[in-house]
């Protein structure tokens, strides 16, 4: 397998700093079942190319049971494309050879990882159903794509084309680490196989490497399923986590950003989801709430912020999903908490549509990006459970602003941001609902925007703060 990465950025030899590999040296790295060789076929101030040549030991694959299963024919373990076609082996090599670059670190030139470069990458060869599949995966990320197909046998043209292509990608302005993350995720997707077991750690890798672009990709479900080998126990929770709070900003819009728009190296751009959580946590601190409900707590992102507030004496995290509650237990390290800290937290299963006496007696309740997942016809039940029966001193509700959806090129008219949303309200609709709830249950309410302002469209999210 051969991957080459070329830039004409001036000076082009900056590529060596980014990859943390000296253009004047051949370097060899041992990986599972082979070696990766890194070298530079060309390295001038005008044009620089780095090559990653992966040499897989096919006998080692068979001895260690990482070749094909051998179900197709008797010699399949020995007659296969593992040493030649790009697969998860290449992803492993990328991670090991270029880990520093993938993480956006450059000790000698710390500003370089954020620079948008003209980049060209060529992979020989990739397996794919057809050239259209390659376009579907890479075109939404802003690449120009060229493919070269190969016949099954040049001497027998009637056999037709093989499933192998040389893939060439070109991008006019892209961070190197973004190119590497795209290749790291999508190459195993094309191969639809992995040389190691898929587990929850693999789901975490996908979320880590794909967080910046995968939620907006039109084929994100296909990518997630193929990356995780169609294992439903990992695919479905990963899709939920992937889409939790991420907004569908078109990758083509992101790709068109100028270098001046790129964040400073030391300042990672905060996601909208984190902005929501931080704003809600800050409001709870301002209110001086000692007992707090997190209704629809998910994996505990808001809970983590609340545990850091000394005035909060107890948090009840409620979610309808047992899996999410288990994930919250793990991510918050509940089993390892000191006893006094553990006493401050209760995580429990429950629904916001049925009266639950455990919800009474709290100073504040947070309902972050939850109501849009309920059927509009069930909002009256939600209102009764929270405002009429539980009656917390304050309720903080966030929900998407439908007016802002016109800013998303990836959304068609009337389409929602998340496949599980039952509705999305405009600012006027949200204000009217909030005013009605406040009047019916003895609260006063104020509405504030959440996220970056976009003129007449407002902000992507909106917050209602109800106080008794």
Protein backbone atom coordinates (compact mmCIF):
# COMPACT_ATOMS: atom_id res chain seq x y z
CA UNK A 1 0.00 0.00 0.00
CA UNK A 2 1.27 3.44 -0.86
CA UNK A 3 0.01 6.80 0.36
CA UNK A 4 1.55 10.04 -0.82
CA UNK A 5 0.76 13.53 0.47
CA UNK A 6 1.87 16.56 -1.54
CA UNK A 7 1.72 20.30 -0.93
CA UNK A 8 2.78 23.37 -2.90
CA UNK A 9 2.47 25.63 0.12
CA UNK A 10 5.47 27.96 0.32
CA UNK A 11 7.85 26.79 1.61
CA UNK A 12 6.59 23.31 0.79
CA UNK A 13 9.13 21.69 3.12
CA UNK A 14 6.95 22.87 6.02
CA UNK A 15 5.30 19.49 5.43
CA UNK A 16 8.30 17.91 7.16
CA UNK A 17 7.68 19.99 10.30
CA UNK A 18 4.00 19.08 10.31
CA UNK A 19 4.61 15.35 9.90
CA UNK A 20 7.52 15.47 12.35
CA UNK A 21 9.58 13.54 9.78
CA UNK A 22 12.83 14.85 8.31
CA UNK A 23 12.70 14.93 4.47
CA UNK A 24 16.40 13.99 4.34
CA UNK A 25 15.92 10.66 6.13
CA UNK A 26 14.25 7.36 5.42
CA UNK A 27 12.41 6.19 8.53
CA UNK A 28 10.96 2.76 9.23
CA UNK A 29 8.38 1.99 11.91
CA UNK A 30 7.29 -1.47 13.02
CA UNK A 31 3.53 -1.99 13.06
CA UNK A 32 1.32 -5.02 13.55
CA UNK A 33 2.24 -7.63 10.90
CA UNK A 34 4.61 -5.42 8.94
CA UNK A 35 6.58 -2.23 8.59
CA UNK A 36 5.80 1.33 7.51
CA UNK A 37 8.47 3.24 5.59
CA UNK A 38 8.31 7.04 5.45
CA UNK A 39 10.33 8.92 2.83
CA UNK A 40 10.14 11.99 0.59
CA UNK A 41 10.31 11.45 -3.20
CA UNK A 42 10.58 15.22 -3.62
CA UNK A 43 11.31 18.02 -1.15
CA UNK A 44 11.84 21.52 -2.53
CA UNK A 45 10.61 24.91 -1.46
CA UNK A 46 8.04 24.79 -4.29
CA UNK A 47 6.74 21.24 -3.92
CA UNK A 48 7.09 18.56 -1.25
CA UNK A 49 5.76 15.00 -1.19
CA UNK A 50 5.78 12.61 1.76
CA UNK A 51 5.23 8.91 1.11
CA UNK A 52 4.06 6.19 3.47
CA UNK A 53 4.80 2.72 2.11
CA UNK A 54 3.22 -0.09 4.05
CA UNK A 55 4.78 -3.54 3.75
CA UNK A 56 2.50 -6.22 5.24
CA UNK A 57 3.74 -9.73 6.00
CA UNK A 58 1.00 -12.05 4.62
CA UNK A 59 2.39 -15.12 6.37
CA UNK A 60 2.33 -13.25 9.67
CA UNK A 61 -1.32 -12.46 9.08
CA UNK A 62 -2.22 -16.13 8.69
CA UNK A 63 -0.16 -17.26 11.67
CA UNK A 64 -1.85 -14.67 13.85
CA UNK A 65 -5.34 -15.27 12.42
CA UNK A 66 -5.73 -11.75 11.05
CA UNK A 67 -6.20 -12.75 7.42
CA UNK A 68 -9.60 -13.58 5.90
CA UNK A 69 -11.63 -16.25 7.59
CA UNK A 70 -11.06 -18.73 4.79
CA UNK A 71 -14.75 -19.36 4.15
CA UNK A 72 -14.66 -18.41 0.47
CA UNK A 73 -12.25 -21.05 -0.81
CA UNK A 74 -9.51 -23.30 0.49
CA UNK A 75 -6.57 -20.92 -0.08
CA UNK A 76 -8.32 -17.67 0.81
CA UNK A 77 -6.07 -17.09 3.83
CA UNK A 78 -3.11 -17.04 1.45
CA UNK A 79 -4.68 -15.60 -1.70
CA UNK A 80 -6.16 -12.24 -0.70
CA UNK A 81 -5.64 -8.49 -1.00
CA UNK A 82 -4.53 -7.81 2.60
CA UNK A 83 -0.91 -6.91 1.70
CA UNK A 84 -1.89 -4.68 -1.20
CA UNK A 85 -5.24 -2.89 -0.73
CA UNK A 86 -5.62 0.00 1.73
CA UNK A 87 -7.40 -1.11 4.88
CA UNK A 88 -7.33 -0.71 8.65
CA UNK A 89 -3.63 -1.62 8.47
CA UNK A 90 -3.04 1.71 6.73
CA UNK A 91 -5.09 3.54 9.38
CA UNK A 92 -2.93 1.95 12.08
CA UNK A 93 0.20 3.01 10.22
CA UNK A 94 -1.11 6.57 9.88
CA UNK A 95 -1.80 6.78 13.60
CA UNK A 96 1.61 5.42 14.54
CA UNK A 97 3.71 7.26 11.93
CA UNK A 98 1.91 10.62 12.00
CA UNK A 99 0.32 10.73 15.44
CA UNK A 100 1.81 14.15 16.20
CA UNK A 101 0.39 15.61 13.00
CA UNK A 102 -3.01 13.97 13.56
CA UNK A 103 -3.21 15.59 16.98
CA UNK A 104 -2.38 19.02 15.56
CA UNK A 105 0.94 19.39 17.37
CA UNK A 106 4.11 20.91 15.95
CA UNK A 107 6.73 21.71 18.58
CA UNK A 108 9.10 23.63 16.29
CA UNK A 109 6.41 25.57 14.43
CA UNK A 110 3.33 25.64 16.70
CA UNK A 111 1.36 27.87 14.30
CA UNK A 112 1.63 25.42 11.38
CA UNK A 113 -1.11 22.89 12.33
CA UNK A 114 -3.80 25.57 11.87
CA UNK A 115 -2.55 26.73 8.46
CA UNK A 116 -4.79 25.83 5.52
CA UNK A 117 -2.62 24.16 2.88
CA UNK A 118 -3.15 23.12 -0.74
CA UNK A 119 -3.00 19.35 -0.35
CA UNK A 120 -3.05 16.37 -2.66
CA UNK A 121 -3.21 12.78 -1.46
CA UNK A 122 -2.95 9.61 -3.54
CA UNK A 123 -3.73 6.11 -2.24
CA UNK A 124 -2.82 3.05 -4.27
CA UNK A 125 -5.02 1.14 -4.10
CA UNK A 126 -8.38 1.32 -2.34
CA UNK A 127 -11.21 -1.22 -2.58
CA UNK A 128 -14.62 0.25 -3.39
CA UNK A 129 -17.94 -0.84 -4.82
CA UNK A 130 -17.47 1.75 -7.60
CA UNK A 131 -16.04 5.21 -8.23
CA UNK A 132 -19.33 6.78 -7.15
CA UNK A 133 -18.87 5.37 -3.65
CA UNK A 134 -15.52 7.17 -3.42
CA UNK A 135 -17.15 10.42 -4.50
CA UNK A 136 -19.96 10.00 -1.97
CA UNK A 137 -17.48 9.65 0.87
CA UNK A 138 -14.93 12.32 -0.03
CA UNK A 139 -16.77 14.97 -2.08
CA UNK A 140 -18.84 16.28 0.88
CA UNK A 141 -15.53 17.05 2.60
CA UNK A 142 -14.58 19.46 -0.15
CA UNK A 143 -12.21 17.29 -2.20
CA UNK A 144 -11.76 17.17 -5.95
CA UNK A 145 -11.53 13.48 -6.79
CA UNK A 146 -9.84 11.49 -9.55
CA UNK A 147 -9.99 7.72 -9.73
CA UNK A 148 -8.22 5.16 -11.87
CA UNK A 149 -9.94 1.80 -12.24
CA UNK A 150 -8.24 -1.49 -13.04
CA UNK A 151 -9.53 -4.51 -14.99
CA UNK A 152 -9.75 -7.86 -13.26
CA UNK A 153 -7.41 -9.22 -15.91
CA UNK A 154 -6.11 -7.13 -18.83
CA UNK A 155 -5.86 -10.27 -20.92
CA UNK A 156 -9.55 -11.15 -20.36
CA UNK A 157 -11.46 -7.86 -20.87
CA UNK A 158 -14.84 -9.58 -20.73
CA UNK A 159 -14.31 -10.13 -17.01
CA UNK A 160 -14.78 -6.41 -16.52
CA UNK A 161 -13.41 -4.05 -13.88
CA UNK A 162 -12.00 -5.03 -10.51
CA UNK A 163 -13.05 -3.39 -7.25
CA UNK A 164 -9.71 -1.59 -6.90
CA UNK A 165 -8.97 2.06 -7.65
CA UNK A 166 -6.12 4.47 -7.31
CA UNK A 167 -7.67 7.39 -5.45
CA UNK A 168 -6.40 10.94 -5.83
CA UNK A 169 -7.76 13.71 -3.61
CA UNK A 170 -7.09 17.42 -4.02
CA UNK A 171 -8.10 20.21 -1.67
CA UNK A 172 -7.23 23.89 -2.15
CA UNK A 173 -7.13 24.83 1.54
CA UNK A 174 -7.18 22.25 4.32
CA UNK A 175 -5.39 21.57 7.57
CA UNK A 176 -3.13 18.54 7.32
CA UNK A 177 -4.65 16.95 10.41
CA UNK A 178 -8.10 17.09 8.79
CA UNK A 179 -6.83 15.21 5.73
CA UNK A 180 -5.25 12.58 7.98
CA UNK A 181 -8.43 12.18 10.06
CA UNK A 182 -10.52 11.75 6.88
CA UNK A 183 -8.19 9.02 5.61
CA UNK A 184 -7.94 7.37 9.03
CA UNK A 185 -11.71 6.92 9.26
CA UNK A 186 -12.77 6.40 5.64
CA UNK A 187 -10.18 3.89 4.46
CA UNK A 188 -11.44 1.13 6.83
CA UNK A 189 -15.00 2.12 5.81
CA UNK A 190 -14.16 1.36 2.17
CA UNK A 191 -12.56 -1.94 3.09
CA UNK A 192 -15.49 -2.87 5.39
CA UNK A 193 -13.16 -4.99 7.50
CA UNK A 194 -10.72 -4.56 10.37
CA UNK A 195 -7.71 -6.56 11.41
CA UNK A 196 -8.58 -6.20 15.11
CA UNK A 197 -11.62 -6.57 17.31
CA UNK A 198 -14.22 -3.81 17.31
CA UNK A 199 -15.17 -2.67 20.81
CA UNK A 200 -16.17 0.48 22.67
CA UNK A 201 -12.63 1.81 22.35
CA UNK A 202 -13.08 1.77 18.57
CA UNK A 203 -16.28 3.77 18.94
CA UNK A 204 -14.33 6.31 21.01
CA UNK A 205 -11.68 6.51 18.28
CA UNK A 206 -14.34 7.22 15.68
CA UNK A 207 -15.84 9.96 17.83
CA UNK A 208 -12.41 11.44 18.48
CA UNK A 209 -11.22 11.44 14.88
CA UNK A 210 -14.57 12.25 13.29
CA UNK A 211 -16.10 14.71 15.75
CA UNK A 212 -15.23 17.80 13.67
CA UNK A 213 -16.76 16.58 10.39
CA UNK A 214 -18.66 13.31 10.65
CA UNK A 215 -21.87 14.67 12.25
CA UNK A 216 -22.44 16.84 9.15
CA UNK A 217 -21.52 14.17 6.57
CA UNK A 218 -24.58 13.07 4.52
CA UNK A 219 -23.41 9.43 4.75
CA UNK A 220 -22.53 9.53 8.45
CA UNK A 221 -24.73 6.51 9.26
CA UNK A 222 -23.14 4.41 6.50
CA UNK A 223 -19.66 5.47 7.65
CA UNK A 224 -20.41 4.67 11.30
CA UNK A 225 -21.89 1.26 10.47
CA UNK A 226 -19.02 0.21 8.23
CA UNK A 227 -16.34 1.52 10.62
CA UNK A 228 -17.87 -0.49 13.48
CA UNK A 229 -18.49 -3.61 11.37
CA UNK A 230 -22.30 -3.20 11.58
CA UNK A 231 -22.30 -4.22 15.24
CA UNK A 232 -25.56 -2.72 16.51
CA UNK A 233 -24.37 -2.76 20.13
CA UNK A 234 -21.80 -0.12 19.17
CA UNK A 235 -23.31 1.52 16.07
CA UNK A 236 -26.54 2.84 17.57
CA UNK A 237 -25.05 4.37 20.75
CA UNK A 238 -22.19 5.86 18.72
CA UNK A 239 -24.61 7.54 16.30
CA UNK A 240 -26.50 8.98 19.26
CA UNK A 241 -23.30 10.30 20.83
CA UNK A 242 -22.04 11.59 17.50
CA UNK A 243 -25.14 13.64 16.86
CA UNK A 244 -25.68 14.78 20.43
CA UNK A 245 -25.64 18.56 20.21
CA UNK A 246 -23.71 18.82 16.95
CA UNK A 247 -25.12 21.24 14.39
CA UNK A 248 -25.26 20.39 10.67
CA UNK A 249 -22.80 22.95 9.34
CA UNK A 250 -21.98 22.08 5.74
CA UNK A 251 -18.45 20.67 5.37
CA UNK A 252 -18.20 22.55 2.06
CA UNK A 253 -18.73 25.80 3.92
CA UNK A 254 -16.09 24.86 6.46
CA UNK A 255 -13.67 23.91 3.71
CA UNK A 256 -14.08 27.33 2.11
CA UNK A 257 -12.98 29.16 5.25
CA UNK A 258 -9.93 31.34 4.80
CA UNK A 259 -6.75 30.97 6.78
CA UNK A 260 -7.63 34.17 8.63
CA UNK A 261 -10.79 32.49 9.91
CA UNK A 262 -8.86 29.60 11.47
CA UNK A 263 -8.70 29.61 15.30
CA UNK A 264 -5.44 30.40 17.02
CA UNK A 265 -3.45 27.22 17.74
CA UNK A 266 -3.95 27.47 21.51
CA UNK A 267 -7.67 28.21 21.26
CA UNK A 268 -9.82 25.31 20.12
CA UNK A 269 -13.24 26.43 18.94
CA UNK A 270 -15.92 25.59 21.48
CA UNK A 271 -18.79 23.50 20.15
CA UNK A 272 -22.34 24.79 20.36
CA UNK A 273 -23.20 21.89 22.65
CA UNK A 274 -20.49 22.94 25.11
CA UNK A 275 -21.68 26.55 24.91
CA UNK A 276 -25.17 25.43 25.91
CA UNK A 277 -23.93 23.37 28.82
CA UNK A 278 -21.60 26.07 30.06
CA UNK A 279 -24.36 28.70 29.90
CA UNK A 280 -26.84 26.50 31.78
CA UNK A 281 -24.22 25.61 34.40
CA UNK A 282 -23.39 29.31 34.83
CA UNK A 283 -27.06 30.19 35.27
CA UNK A 284 -27.47 27.49 37.91
CA UNK A 285 -24.45 28.94 39.73
CA UNK A 286 -25.99 32.44 39.50
CA UNK A 287 -29.25 31.16 40.94
CA UNK A 288 -27.38 29.66 43.89
CA UNK A 289 -29.23 26.36 43.42
CA UNK A 290 -28.25 23.70 45.95
CA UNK A 291 -30.43 20.81 44.70
CA UNK A 292 -30.50 20.42 40.92
CA UNK A 293 -32.34 18.17 38.46
CA UNK A 294 -30.71 17.26 35.15
CA UNK A 295 -33.65 15.97 33.15
CA UNK A 296 -32.43 14.03 30.14
CA UNK A 297 -28.92 13.86 31.58
CA UNK A 298 -27.48 11.56 28.88
CA UNK A 299 -23.88 10.61 29.58
CA UNK A 300 -23.49 13.26 32.27
CA UNK A 301 -21.82 16.22 30.56
CA UNK A 302 -23.84 18.79 32.51
CA UNK A 303 -23.59 16.72 35.68
CA UNK A 304 -19.81 16.94 35.45
CA UNK A 305 -20.01 20.74 35.33
CA UNK A 306 -22.42 20.87 38.26
CA UNK A 307 -20.25 18.63 40.43
CA UNK A 308 -17.55 21.29 40.07
CA UNK A 309 -19.81 23.90 41.73
CA UNK A 310 -19.32 23.89 45.53
CA UNK A 311 -22.79 25.30 46.27
CA UNK A 312 -24.52 22.31 44.59
CA UNK A 313 -25.28 19.81 47.33
CA UNK A 314 -27.18 17.20 45.32
CA UNK A 315 -27.82 16.41 41.66
CA UNK A 316 -30.49 14.02 40.36
CA UNK A 317 -29.72 12.94 36.81
CA UNK A 318 -32.74 11.40 35.05
CA UNK A 319 -32.74 9.72 31.65
CA UNK A 320 -35.04 7.29 29.86
CA UNK A 321 -32.06 5.33 28.45
CA UNK A 322 -30.38 2.74 30.68
CA UNK A 323 -27.41 2.64 28.31
CA UNK A 324 -26.86 6.40 28.64
CA UNK A 325 -27.02 6.13 32.42
CA UNK A 326 -24.44 3.34 32.35
CA UNK A 327 -22.23 5.49 30.17
CA UNK A 328 -22.66 8.38 32.62
CA UNK A 329 -21.58 6.10 35.49
CA UNK A 330 -18.44 5.18 33.54
CA UNK A 331 -17.55 8.65 32.28
CA UNK A 332 -18.09 10.30 35.64
CA UNK A 333 -16.13 7.49 37.37
CA UNK A 334 -18.91 7.20 39.94
CA UNK A 335 -17.54 3.95 41.40
CA UNK A 336 -14.23 5.68 42.14
CA UNK A 337 -15.69 8.84 43.72
CA UNK A 338 -14.95 9.60 47.37
CA UNK A 339 -17.99 8.81 49.53
CA UNK A 340 -18.88 12.46 50.15
CA UNK A 341 -18.77 13.25 46.43
CA UNK A 342 -20.77 10.12 45.62
CA UNK A 343 -23.52 11.23 48.03
CA UNK A 344 -24.03 14.38 45.95
CA UNK A 345 -25.18 12.42 42.90
CA UNK A 346 -28.10 10.19 41.99
CA UNK A 347 -28.48 8.76 38.48
CA UNK A 348 -31.81 7.13 37.79
CA UNK A 349 -34.05 6.00 34.96
CA UNK A 350 -37.34 7.78 34.37
CA UNK A 351 -39.60 9.56 31.90
CA UNK A 352 -40.53 13.23 31.71
CA UNK A 353 -44.04 12.30 30.60
CA UNK A 354 -45.19 10.61 33.82
CA UNK A 355 -45.48 11.99 37.34
CA UNK A 356 -42.45 11.07 39.43
CA UNK A 357 -42.46 12.10 43.10
CA UNK A 358 -38.65 11.89 43.19
CA UNK A 359 -38.50 15.12 41.19
CA UNK A 360 -40.08 17.28 43.90
CA UNK A 361 -38.14 19.60 46.22
CA UNK A 362 -35.38 20.86 43.90
CA UNK A 363 -34.12 24.40 43.46
CA UNK A 364 -33.49 24.15 39.72
CA UNK A 365 -34.10 21.82 36.79
CA UNK A 366 -32.09 21.75 33.54
CA UNK A 367 -33.76 20.45 30.37
CA UNK A 368 -31.04 20.80 27.74
CA UNK A 369 -31.99 19.92 24.12
CA UNK A 370 -34.70 17.53 25.27
CA UNK A 371 -38.16 18.88 24.44
CA UNK A 372 -37.64 18.67 20.66
CA UNK A 373 -37.27 14.89 21.07
CA UNK A 374 -40.83 14.69 22.45
CA UNK A 375 -43.94 14.63 20.30
CA UNK A 376 -45.56 18.07 20.40
CA UNK A 377 -48.77 16.43 21.56
CA UNK A 378 -46.92 15.18 24.67
CA UNK A 379 -45.59 18.58 25.72
CA UNK A 380 -48.67 19.12 27.88
CA UNK A 381 -47.72 16.01 29.87
CA UNK A 382 -44.12 17.27 30.17
CA UNK A 383 -45.47 20.61 31.41
CA UNK A 384 -47.54 18.91 34.09
CA UNK A 385 -44.69 16.68 35.27
CA UNK A 386 -42.11 19.48 35.57
CA UNK A 387 -43.99 22.74 36.18
CA UNK A 388 -47.23 21.61 37.83
CA UNK A 389 -46.06 18.67 39.96
CA UNK A 390 -42.27 18.87 40.54
CA UNK A 391 -42.33 22.71 40.74
CA UNK A 392 -38.56 23.42 40.97
CA UNK A 393 -37.60 26.96 41.88
CA UNK A 394 -36.18 27.50 38.38
CA UNK A 395 -36.34 25.62 35.10
CA UNK A 396 -33.83 26.09 32.29
CA UNK A 397 -34.93 24.83 28.87
CA UNK A 398 -32.84 24.95 25.69
CA UNK A 399 -33.98 23.99 22.19
CA UNK A 400 -32.85 24.63 18.58
CA UNK A 401 -33.91 27.83 16.84
CA UNK A 402 -35.60 26.81 13.57
CA UNK A 403 -35.09 30.31 12.12
CA UNK A 404 -31.36 29.56 12.03
CA UNK A 405 -31.79 26.41 9.92
CA UNK A 406 -31.61 28.46 6.73
CA UNK A 407 -27.93 28.95 7.51
CA UNK A 408 -27.26 25.23 7.06
CA UNK A 409 -26.67 24.38 3.42
CA UNK A 410 -26.96 20.67 4.23
CA UNK A 411 -30.62 21.07 5.34
CA UNK A 412 -33.54 21.13 2.93
CA UNK A 413 -36.59 23.28 3.68
CA UNK A 414 -38.59 21.73 6.53
CA UNK A 415 -35.82 19.27 7.44
CA UNK A 416 -34.74 18.95 11.07
CA UNK A 417 -31.17 18.98 12.39
CA UNK A 418 -31.43 15.56 14.02
CA UNK A 419 -33.26 12.49 12.82
CA UNK A 420 -34.90 12.05 16.24
CA UNK A 421 -36.28 15.60 16.50
CA UNK A 422 -40.09 15.66 16.46
CA UNK A 423 -40.26 19.44 15.94
CA UNK A 424 -38.06 22.52 15.88
CA UNK A 425 -39.46 25.91 16.91
CA UNK A 426 -38.80 29.39 15.66
CA UNK A 427 -37.96 32.09 18.19
CA UNK A 428 -41.55 33.31 18.09
CA UNK A 429 -42.99 29.82 18.70
CA UNK A 430 -40.60 29.13 21.58
CA UNK A 431 -41.36 32.48 23.21
CA UNK A 432 -45.11 31.90 22.92
CA UNK A 433 -44.86 28.42 24.46
CA UNK A 434 -42.62 29.64 27.29
CA UNK A 435 -44.91 32.59 28.07
CA UNK A 436 -47.93 30.28 28.24
CA UNK A 437 -46.17 27.83 30.56
CA UNK A 438 -44.99 30.63 32.84
CA UNK A 439 -48.47 32.15 33.08
CA UNK A 440 -50.19 28.84 33.79
CA UNK A 441 -47.82 27.79 36.58
CA UNK A 442 -46.74 30.95 38.37
CA UNK A 443 -43.30 31.48 36.84
CA UNK A 444 -41.71 34.48 35.20
CA UNK A 445 -39.61 33.73 32.12
CA UNK A 446 -36.92 35.34 30.04
CA UNK A 447 -35.60 34.12 26.68
CA UNK A 448 -31.99 34.54 25.62
CA UNK A 449 -30.04 33.51 22.52
CA UNK A 450 -27.38 30.80 22.57
CA UNK A 451 -24.52 30.60 20.12
CA UNK A 452 -23.12 32.89 17.42
CA UNK A 453 -25.48 35.58 16.11
CA UNK A 454 -26.34 35.53 12.39
CA UNK A 455 -28.36 38.68 11.74
CA UNK A 456 -32.01 38.08 10.93
CA UNK A 457 -31.66 34.33 11.62
CA UNK A 458 -30.69 34.84 15.25
CA UNK A 459 -28.59 32.20 17.02
CA UNK A 460 -28.60 28.41 16.51
CA UNK A 461 -30.07 27.68 19.94
CA UNK A 462 -32.30 29.43 22.49
CA UNK A 463 -32.65 29.32 26.26
CA UNK A 464 -35.71 29.96 28.44
CA UNK A 465 -35.08 30.65 32.14
CA UNK A 466 -38.22 30.16 34.25
CA UNK A 467 -38.16 31.39 37.85
CA UNK A 468 -40.96 31.04 40.40
